Amino acid sequence: GHTDNAGGLEANMKLSQNRADAVMQALVRNHGIAASRLNAYGDGPYAPVASNDTEEGRSKNRRVELVKQ
């Protein structure tokens, strides 16, 4: 889970973890994926894909990524 850089770091870390947890729960509940195959991790604002200087960029940074391990 990721966030933009608006707000405090602690709040963004919690938000990104909650975002990752919600996606994981949806994958388990709605798509039958075994929870043991998934790991939710909140990365906060540390890996932006766009500039946080515009709303468009910030919206791209508020996301969840699935990474094959």
N, C-alpha and C. Protein backbone atom coordinates (compact mmCIF):
# COMPACT_ATOMS: atom_id res chain seq x y z
N GLY A 1 0.82 -1.18 0.00
CA GLY A 1 0.00 0.00 0.00
C GLY A 1 0.87 1.24 0.00
N HIS A 2 0.43 2.26 -0.71
CA HIS A 2 1.18 3.51 -0.83
C HIS A 2 0.26 4.70 -0.58
N THR A 3 0.87 5.83 -0.25
CA THR A 3 0.15 7.08 -0.07
C THR A 3 0.91 8.21 -0.76
N ASP A 4 0.25 9.36 -0.84
CA ASP A 4 0.97 10.56 -1.27
C ASP A 4 1.72 11.09 -0.04
N ASN A 5 2.30 12.27 -0.15
CA ASN A 5 3.06 12.80 0.99
C ASN A 5 2.28 13.84 1.80
N ALA A 6 0.98 13.98 1.54
CA ALA A 6 0.15 14.92 2.31
C ALA A 6 -0.08 14.34 3.71
N GLY A 7 0.00 15.18 4.71
CA GLY A 7 -0.22 14.72 6.08
C GLY A 7 1.07 14.24 6.72
N GLY A 8 0.94 13.76 7.93
CA GLY A 8 2.10 13.31 8.69
C GLY A 8 2.55 11.91 8.31
N LEU A 9 3.80 11.62 8.56
CA LEU A 9 4.36 10.32 8.20
C LEU A 9 3.66 9.18 8.93
N GLU A 10 3.43 9.33 10.22
CA GLU A 10 2.78 8.26 10.99
C GLU A 10 1.40 7.95 10.44
N ALA A 11 0.63 8.98 10.13
CA ALA A 11 -0.72 8.78 9.58
C ALA A 11 -0.64 8.12 8.20
N ASN A 12 0.33 8.52 7.38
CA ASN A 12 0.46 7.92 6.05
C ASN A 12 0.89 6.46 6.13
N MET A 13 1.74 6.13 7.07
CA MET A 13 2.15 4.73 7.22
C MET A 13 0.95 3.88 7.64
N LYS A 14 0.15 4.38 8.56
CA LYS A 14 -1.05 3.64 8.99
C LYS A 14 -2.05 3.53 7.84
N LEU A 15 -2.25 4.61 7.12
CA LEU A 15 -3.17 4.60 5.98
C LEU A 15 -2.72 3.60 4.91
N SER A 16 -1.44 3.58 4.61
CA SER A 16 -0.96 2.66 3.58
C SER A 16 -1.10 1.21 4.02
N GLN A 17 -0.88 0.93 5.29
CA GLN A 17 -1.07 -0.43 5.80
C GLN A 17 -2.55 -0.81 5.75
N ASN A 18 -3.41 0.11 6.16
CA ASN A 18 -4.86 -0.16 6.09
C ASN A 18 -5.31 -0.40 4.66
N ARG A 19 -4.76 0.36 3.73
CA ARG A 19 -5.10 0.20 2.31
C ARG A 19 -4.67 -1.19 1.83
N ALA A 20 -3.46 -1.60 2.16
CA ALA A 20 -2.97 -2.92 1.76
C ALA A 20 -3.80 -4.03 2.41
N ASP A 21 -4.14 -3.87 3.68
CA ASP A 21 -4.97 -4.86 4.38
C ASP A 21 -6.34 -5.00 3.72
N ALA A 22 -6.94 -3.89 3.34
CA ALA A 22 -8.27 -3.91 2.72
C ALA A 22 -8.25 -4.65 1.38
N VAL A 23 -7.21 -4.43 0.59
CA VAL A 23 -7.11 -5.12 -0.69
C VAL A 23 -6.89 -6.61 -0.46
N MET A 24 -6.05 -6.95 0.49
CA MET A 24 -5.81 -8.35 0.80
C MET A 24 -7.10 -9.03 1.24
N GLN A 25 -7.84 -8.40 2.12
CA GLN A 25 -9.11 -8.96 2.59
C GLN A 25 -10.09 -9.14 1.44
N ALA A 26 -10.14 -8.19 0.51
CA ALA A 26 -11.04 -8.30 -0.64
C ALA A 26 -10.62 -9.46 -1.54
N LEU A 27 -9.33 -9.66 -1.74
CA LEU A 27 -8.86 -10.77 -2.56
C LEU A 27 -9.23 -12.11 -1.94
N VAL A 28 -9.13 -12.20 -0.63
CA VAL A 28 -9.48 -13.44 0.08
C VAL A 28 -10.99 -13.65 0.05
N ARG A 29 -11.74 -12.64 0.41
CA ARG A 29 -13.19 -12.74 0.53
C ARG A 29 -13.89 -12.86 -0.82
N ASN A 30 -13.51 -12.05 -1.77
CA ASN A 30 -14.26 -11.97 -3.03
C ASN A 30 -13.70 -12.84 -4.15
N HIS A 31 -12.45 -13.27 -4.01
CA HIS A 31 -11.83 -14.00 -5.11
C HIS A 31 -11.27 -15.35 -4.71
N GLY A 32 -11.46 -15.72 -3.44
CA GLY A 32 -11.08 -17.05 -2.98
C GLY A 32 -9.59 -17.32 -2.91
N ILE A 33 -8.77 -16.29 -2.85
CA ILE A 33 -7.33 -16.48 -2.74
C ILE A 33 -7.00 -16.79 -1.28
N ALA A 34 -6.18 -17.80 -1.07
CA ALA A 34 -5.81 -18.19 0.30
C ALA A 34 -5.01 -17.07 0.96
N ALA A 35 -5.41 -16.70 2.16
CA ALA A 35 -4.73 -15.63 2.89
C ALA A 35 -3.27 -15.95 3.12
N SER A 36 -2.93 -17.22 3.23
CA SER A 36 -1.54 -17.62 3.46
C SER A 36 -0.64 -17.31 2.27
N ARG A 37 -1.23 -17.04 1.11
CA ARG A 37 -0.45 -16.70 -0.09
C ARG A 37 -0.17 -15.21 -0.20
N LEU A 38 -0.74 -14.41 0.70
CA LEU A 38 -0.66 -12.95 0.61
C LEU A 38 0.00 -12.35 1.83
N ASN A 39 0.62 -11.21 1.65
CA ASN A 39 1.22 -10.46 2.74
C ASN A 39 0.96 -8.98 2.47
N ALA A 40 0.28 -8.31 3.36
CA ALA A 40 -0.01 -6.88 3.20
C ALA A 40 1.10 -6.07 3.85
N TYR A 41 1.57 -5.06 3.14
CA TYR A 41 2.65 -4.21 3.65
C TYR A 41 2.38 -2.76 3.26
N GLY A 42 2.46 -1.88 4.23
CA GLY A 42 2.27 -0.45 3.98
C GLY A 42 3.62 0.25 3.83
N ASP A 43 3.84 0.88 2.68
CA ASP A 43 5.10 1.56 2.39
C ASP A 43 4.97 3.08 2.51
N GLY A 44 3.78 3.55 2.82
CA GLY A 44 3.58 4.99 2.99
C GLY A 44 3.96 5.80 1.77
N PRO A 45 4.61 6.93 1.98
CA PRO A 45 4.96 7.83 0.87
C PRO A 45 6.36 7.57 0.30
N TYR A 46 6.98 6.44 0.62
CA TYR A 46 8.39 6.22 0.29
C TYR A 46 8.68 5.78 -1.14
N ALA A 47 7.66 5.43 -1.92
CA ALA A 47 7.93 4.97 -3.29
C ALA A 47 6.95 5.62 -4.27
N PRO A 48 7.01 6.94 -4.41
CA PRO A 48 6.07 7.61 -5.32
C PRO A 48 6.35 7.23 -6.78
N VAL A 49 5.28 7.18 -7.56
CA VAL A 49 5.42 6.93 -9.01
C VAL A 49 5.22 8.22 -9.80
N ALA A 50 4.81 9.28 -9.11
CA ALA A 50 4.56 10.57 -9.75
C ALA A 50 4.89 11.67 -8.74
N SER A 51 4.97 12.89 -9.23
CA SER A 51 5.25 14.03 -8.38
C SER A 51 4.08 14.28 -7.43
N ASN A 52 4.39 14.63 -6.20
CA ASN A 52 3.37 15.00 -5.23
C ASN A 52 3.04 16.49 -5.30
N ASP A 53 3.53 17.19 -6.32
CA ASP A 53 3.31 18.62 -6.45
C ASP A 53 1.95 18.97 -7.05
N THR A 54 1.26 17.98 -7.64
CA THR A 54 -0.06 18.22 -8.23
C THR A 54 -1.04 17.17 -7.72
N GLU A 55 -2.32 17.49 -7.79
CA GLU A 55 -3.34 16.52 -7.38
C GLU A 55 -3.29 15.27 -8.25
N GLU A 56 -3.05 15.45 -9.54
CA GLU A 56 -2.95 14.29 -10.44
C GLU A 56 -1.81 13.35 -10.00
N GLY A 57 -0.68 13.91 -9.67
CA GLY A 57 0.44 13.11 -9.20
C GLY A 57 0.15 12.44 -7.88
N ARG A 58 -0.42 13.20 -6.94
CA ARG A 58 -0.76 12.62 -5.64
C ARG A 58 -1.74 11.47 -5.79
N SER A 59 -2.72 11.60 -6.69
CA SER A 59 -3.70 10.52 -6.87
C SER A 59 -3.04 9.26 -7.42
N LYS A 60 -2.00 9.40 -8.23
CA LYS A 60 -1.28 8.23 -8.74
C LYS A 60 -0.46 7.56 -7.64
N ASN A 61 -0.06 8.30 -6.64
CA ASN A 61 0.72 7.75 -5.54
C ASN A 61 -0.12 7.04 -4.50
N ARG A 62 -1.42 7.27 -4.48
CA ARG A 62 -2.32 6.58 -3.56
C ARG A 62 -2.78 5.30 -4.25
N ARG A 63 -2.08 4.20 -3.96
CA ARG A 63 -2.31 2.98 -4.71
C ARG A 63 -1.90 1.75 -3.91
N VAL A 64 -2.23 0.59 -4.45
CA VAL A 64 -1.75 -0.69 -3.94
C VAL A 64 -1.12 -1.43 -5.12
N GLU A 65 0.00 -2.04 -4.88
CA GLU A 65 0.69 -2.84 -5.89
C GLU A 65 0.74 -4.29 -5.43
N LEU A 66 0.57 -5.19 -6.35
CA LEU A 66 0.77 -6.62 -6.08
C LEU A 66 2.13 -7.01 -6.61
N VAL A 67 2.96 -7.60 -5.74
CA VAL A 67 4.34 -7.96 -6.10
C VAL A 67 4.50 -9.46 -5.91
N LYS A 68 4.89 -10.14 -6.97
CA LYS A 68 5.13 -11.57 -6.90
C LYS A 68 6.44 -11.81 -6.15
N GLN A 69 6.40 -12.71 -5.18
CA GLN A 69 7.60 -13.04 -4.39
C GLN A 69 8.14 -14.39 -4.78
